[in-house]
Amino acid sequence: MTETTKPALPDRLSVDPKSPHHVPAVFEHDIGIRFNGKERFDVEEYCLSEGWVKVPAGKTVDRKGRPLCVKLKGQVEAYYR
């Protein structure tokens, strides 16, 4: 059995493919985000060094259909599950 090597998690990562912080190789694996000690499943973007995550603000969307996001500051951990 061959174990695949996982790429290192970047300091900043976005789920939006149009973003310059989107890394497709990372999304081939299941990743988790822990924010202030609790696991979050709705994170759109994060930055480890600056300590923030962007999460959708309810069901509101912009005119292009993308969710409107709110930036929350705190302790951020990213890991592979």
Protein backbone atom coordinates (compact mmCIF):
# COMPACT_ATOMS: atom_id res chain seq x y z
CA MET A 1 0.00 0.00 0.00
CA THR A 2 1.34 3.35 -1.02
CA GLU A 3 0.67 6.35 1.17
CA THR A 4 0.30 9.57 -0.79
CA THR A 5 2.24 12.57 0.41
CA LYS A 6 0.07 15.51 1.28
CA PRO A 7 1.16 19.04 0.38
CA ALA A 8 1.93 21.40 3.22
CA LEU A 9 -1.02 23.53 4.25
CA PRO A 10 -0.48 27.14 3.15
CA ASP A 11 -0.65 30.13 5.48
CA ARG A 12 -3.66 31.46 3.59
CA LEU A 13 -6.19 29.33 1.70
CA SER A 14 -9.46 30.04 -0.10
CA VAL A 15 -12.14 27.71 -1.48
CA ASP A 16 -12.90 30.14 -4.34
CA PRO A 17 -11.13 28.89 -7.52
CA LYS A 18 -10.81 32.49 -8.79
CA SER A 19 -8.84 33.58 -5.72
CA PRO A 20 -5.03 33.81 -5.89
CA HIS A 21 -4.99 31.91 -2.56
CA HIS A 22 -6.71 28.81 -3.98
CA VAL A 23 -4.45 25.71 -4.05
CA PRO A 24 -6.19 22.81 -5.86
CA ALA A 25 -3.70 20.18 -4.63
CA VAL A 26 -4.75 20.81 -1.02
CA PHE A 27 -8.44 20.22 -1.79
CA GLU A 28 -7.72 16.72 -3.08
CA HIS A 29 -7.47 15.74 0.61
CA ASP A 30 -9.91 16.29 3.46
CA ILE A 31 -8.85 19.28 5.57
CA GLY A 32 -10.25 20.65 8.81
CA ILE A 33 -10.27 24.11 10.37
CA ARG A 34 -10.35 24.65 14.13
CA PHE A 35 -11.29 28.20 15.16
CA ASN A 36 -10.93 29.16 18.84
CA GLY A 37 -10.87 25.47 19.80
CA LYS A 38 -14.02 24.48 17.88
CA GLU A 39 -14.10 22.77 14.51
CA ARG A 40 -15.78 24.84 11.78
CA PHE A 41 -17.24 23.36 8.61
CA ASP A 42 -18.34 26.61 6.92
CA VAL A 43 -14.99 28.38 6.42
CA GLU A 44 -14.58 30.03 3.00
CA GLU A 45 -11.05 31.40 3.58
CA TYR A 46 -8.49 31.46 6.38
CA CYS A 47 -5.16 33.02 7.30
CA LEU A 48 -3.05 31.34 9.99
CA SER A 49 -0.49 34.10 10.56
CA GLU A 50 -3.06 36.90 10.86
CA GLY A 51 -5.54 34.77 12.85
CA TRP A 52 -8.81 35.13 10.94
CA VAL A 53 -11.40 33.12 9.02
CA LYS A 54 -14.12 34.19 6.61
CA VAL A 55 -17.50 32.51 7.01
CA PRO A 56 -20.80 33.08 5.19
CA ALA A 57 -23.16 35.63 6.76
CA GLY A 58 -26.38 33.63 6.73
CA LYS A 59 -27.94 32.88 3.36
CA THR A 60 -27.19 36.24 1.77
CA VAL A 61 -25.40 36.21 -1.58
CA ASP A 62 -23.91 38.88 -3.79
CA ARG A 63 -25.10 39.60 -7.33
CA LYS A 64 -22.85 36.83 -8.71
CA GLY A 65 -24.32 34.20 -6.37
CA ARG A 66 -21.34 33.94 -4.01
CA PRO A 67 -22.04 34.08 -0.27
CA LEU A 68 -21.37 37.33 1.59
CA CYS A 69 -18.73 36.63 4.20
CA VAL A 70 -17.85 37.95 7.64
CA LYS A 71 -14.26 37.99 8.93
CA LEU A 72 -13.85 36.55 12.43
CA LYS A 73 -10.59 36.97 14.36
CA GLY A 74 -9.17 34.43 16.77
CA GLN A 75 -6.92 31.38 16.96
CA VAL A 76 -6.91 29.39 13.70
CA GLU A 77 -5.60 25.85 13.17
CA ALA A 78 -5.62 23.98 9.86
CA TYR A 79 -4.99 20.25 9.64
CA TYR A 80 -5.55 17.16 7.50
CA ARG A 81 -8.19 14.76 8.76
